[in-house]
């Protein structure tokens, strides 16, 4: 009997490679999302600090030009926060796409693994059946050579008295 050969092994290796690449892409996207979230937190902290300064300036009652300058600074921080939120949103959607790609490729790879295991099990059973048939034929040949055929067993008869 031929040794087991899974004809889709090449495809399985390709899928495995694609799955590893997709997993690395997902990890990279996750890292970018973490960085974007950290950047957003920094931007929010800076904006809150600027707003506190603006409140402090307003409570002191300094000149209008100082107020306008402080307002421009807080507006600039608002713009930075908006940009950071957009970056985080883009990074999150990239993570979702990378995760979906990875999950799809992983499912295909696992499907091929299950198919391979099933075919290998089937092959093993067929080999066992073939070996059992060969043993049966060998036993029948030996039995035929010794004159002991099935249903033709020599039985001892008792002499009649």
Protein backbone atom coordinates (compact mmCIF):
# COMPACT_ATOMS: atom_id res chain seq x y z
CA UNK A 1 0.00 0.00 0.00
CA UNK A 2 1.23 3.49 -0.78
CA UNK A 3 2.31 5.76 2.06
CA UNK A 4 -0.10 8.52 3.02
CA UNK A 5 0.13 11.59 0.84
CA UNK A 6 -2.06 14.63 1.37
CA UNK A 7 -2.34 16.37 -1.98
CA UNK A 8 -3.24 19.69 -0.41
CA UNK A 9 -0.06 19.93 1.70
CA UNK A 10 1.31 22.72 -0.47
CA UNK A 11 -1.91 24.68 -0.11
CA UNK A 12 -1.83 23.99 3.63
CA UNK A 13 1.71 25.41 3.85
CA UNK A 14 0.65 28.49 1.86
CA UNK A 15 -2.37 29.00 4.12
CA UNK A 16 -0.17 28.56 7.17
CA UNK A 17 2.20 31.22 5.87
CA UNK A 18 -0.69 33.56 5.08
CA UNK A 19 -2.11 33.00 8.55
CA UNK A 20 1.24 33.83 10.19
CA UNK A 21 1.52 36.99 8.08
CA UNK A 22 -2.05 38.00 8.97
CA UNK A 23 -1.35 37.36 12.66
CA UNK A 24 1.77 39.56 12.47
CA UNK A 25 -0.25 42.25 10.68
CA UNK A 26 -2.90 42.06 13.40
CA UNK A 27 -0.24 42.37 16.10
CA UNK A 28 1.26 45.36 14.30
CA UNK A 29 -2.16 47.01 13.96
CA UNK A 30 -2.80 46.35 17.65
CA UNK A 31 0.49 48.03 18.49
CA UNK A 32 -0.45 51.03 16.35
CA UNK A 33 -3.81 51.21 18.12
CA UNK A 34 -2.09 51.16 21.51
CA UNK A 35 0.21 53.96 20.37
CA UNK A 36 -2.75 55.99 19.02
CA UNK A 37 -4.64 55.54 22.29
CA UNK A 38 -1.59 56.67 24.25
CA UNK A 39 -1.25 59.71 21.99
CA UNK A 40 -4.94 60.50 22.48
CA UNK A 41 -4.57 60.29 26.27
CA UNK A 42 -1.58 62.67 26.12
CA UNK A 43 -3.51 65.09 23.94
CA UNK A 44 -6.50 65.02 26.27
CA UNK A 45 -4.27 65.59 29.29
CA UNK A 46 -2.56 68.56 27.60
CA UNK A 47 -5.91 70.01 26.55
CA UNK A 48 -7.27 69.69 30.08
CA UNK A 49 -4.17 71.41 31.44
CA UNK A 50 -4.61 74.23 28.92
CA UNK A 51 -8.27 74.61 29.88
CA UNK A 52 -7.33 74.78 33.56
CA UNK A 53 -4.85 77.53 32.71
CA UNK A 54 -7.57 79.37 30.78
CA UNK A 55 -9.92 79.14 33.78
CA UNK A 56 -7.14 80.44 36.01
CA UNK A 57 -6.52 83.37 33.65
CA UNK A 58 -10.25 84.16 33.55
CA UNK A 59 -10.47 84.08 37.35
CA UNK A 60 -7.55 86.49 37.68
CA UNK A 61 -9.12 88.87 35.18
CA UNK A 62 -5.98 89.64 33.17
CA UNK A 63 -6.09 91.51 29.90
CA UNK A 64 -8.16 90.51 26.91
CA UNK A 65 -5.08 89.74 24.82
CA UNK A 66 -3.97 87.14 27.35
CA UNK A 67 -7.44 85.63 27.24
CA UNK A 68 -7.40 85.52 23.41
CA UNK A 69 -3.96 83.89 23.44
CA UNK A 70 -5.11 81.31 25.96
CA UNK A 71 -8.24 80.66 23.89
CA UNK A 72 -6.12 80.08 20.77
CA UNK A 73 -3.93 77.66 22.67
CA UNK A 74 -6.94 75.66 23.89
CA UNK A 75 -8.38 75.71 20.36
CA UNK A 76 -5.08 74.36 19.07
CA UNK A 77 -5.20 71.58 21.67
CA UNK A 78 -8.80 70.83 20.66
CA UNK A 79 -7.57 70.41 17.08
CA UNK A 80 -4.77 68.12 18.26
CA UNK A 81 -7.24 66.05 20.27
CA UNK A 82 -9.58 65.77 17.26
CA UNK A 83 -6.67 64.59 15.09
CA UNK A 84 -5.64 62.08 17.77
CA UNK A 85 -9.23 60.78 17.98
CA UNK A 86 -9.30 60.33 14.19
CA UNK A 87 -5.96 58.50 14.30
CA UNK A 88 -7.29 56.23 17.03
CA UNK A 89 -10.46 55.58 15.08
CA UNK A 90 -8.48 54.70 11.93
CA UNK A 91 -6.18 52.45 13.97
CA UNK A 92 -9.19 50.70 15.55
CA UNK A 93 -10.79 50.04 12.15
CA UNK A 94 -7.44 48.75 10.86
CA UNK A 95 -7.28 46.38 13.84
CA UNK A 96 -10.80 45.15 13.10
CA UNK A 97 -9.93 44.49 9.44
CA UNK A 98 -6.66 42.76 10.38
CA UNK A 99 -8.45 40.61 12.96
CA UNK A 100 -11.14 39.62 10.44
CA UNK A 101 -8.49 38.69 7.86
CA UNK A 102 -6.54 36.68 10.41
CA UNK A 103 -9.65 34.85 11.66
CA UNK A 104 -10.71 33.98 8.10
CA UNK A 105 -7.27 32.64 7.17
CA UNK A 106 -7.02 30.77 10.46
CA UNK A 107 -10.37 29.09 9.80
CA UNK A 108 -9.22 28.01 6.33
CA UNK A 109 -5.96 26.66 7.72
CA UNK A 110 -7.75 24.77 10.50
CA UNK A 111 -10.20 23.38 7.94
CA UNK A 112 -7.31 21.99 5.91
CA UNK A 113 -5.77 20.55 9.07
CA UNK A 114 -9.03 18.77 9.92
CA UNK A 115 -9.33 17.52 6.33
CA UNK A 116 -5.77 16.21 6.44
CA UNK A 117 -6.40 14.41 9.74
CA UNK A 118 -9.59 12.89 8.36
CA UNK A 119 -7.87 11.68 5.18
CA UNK A 120 -4.94 10.31 7.14
CA UNK A 121 -7.29 8.40 9.44
CA UNK A 122 -9.14 7.05 6.42
CA UNK A 123 -5.86 5.96 4.85
CA UNK A 124 -4.77 4.25 8.08
CA UNK A 125 -8.04 2.29 8.23
CA UNK A 126 -7.65 1.26 4.58
CA UNK A 127 -4.08 0.08 5.23
CA UNK A 128 -5.27 -1.94 8.23
CA UNK A 129 -8.03 -3.53 6.11
CA UNK A 130 -5.56 -4.34 3.37
CA UNK A 131 -3.13 -5.91 5.83
CA UNK A 132 -5.96 -7.94 7.37
CA UNK A 133 -6.94 -9.20 3.88
CA UNK A 134 -3.33 -10.17 3.16
CA UNK A 135 -3.12 -12.03 6.46
CA UNK A 136 -6.38 -13.83 5.69
CA UNK A 137 -5.11 -14.82 2.24
CA UNK A 138 -1.82 -15.99 3.72
CA UNK A 139 -3.63 -18.06 6.34
CA UNK A 140 -5.93 -19.55 3.70
CA UNK A 141 -2.96 -20.40 1.47
CA UNK A 142 -1.16 -22.11 4.35
CA UNK A 143 -4.30 -23.96 5.30
CA UNK A 144 -4.82 -25.07 1.70
CA UNK A 145 -1.22 -26.32 1.52
CA UNK A 146 -1.65 -28.48 4.60
CA UNK A 147 -4.94 -29.91 3.38
CA UNK A 148 -6.98 -28.28 6.13
CA UNK A 149 -9.60 -26.43 4.18
CA UNK A 150 -12.48 -24.66 5.79
CA UNK A 151 -15.12 -27.26 6.56
CA UNK A 152 -12.63 -29.99 5.73
CA UNK A 153 -11.03 -30.40 9.13
CA UNK A 154 -9.91 -33.92 9.86
CA UNK A 155 -11.95 -35.28 12.74
CA UNK A 156 -11.12 -38.30 14.66
CA UNK A 157 -13.71 -40.96 14.33
CA UNK A 158 -14.22 -43.63 16.90
CA UNK A 159 -14.14 -47.13 15.60
CA UNK A 160 -17.53 -48.68 15.80
CA UNK A 161 -17.68 -51.66 18.03
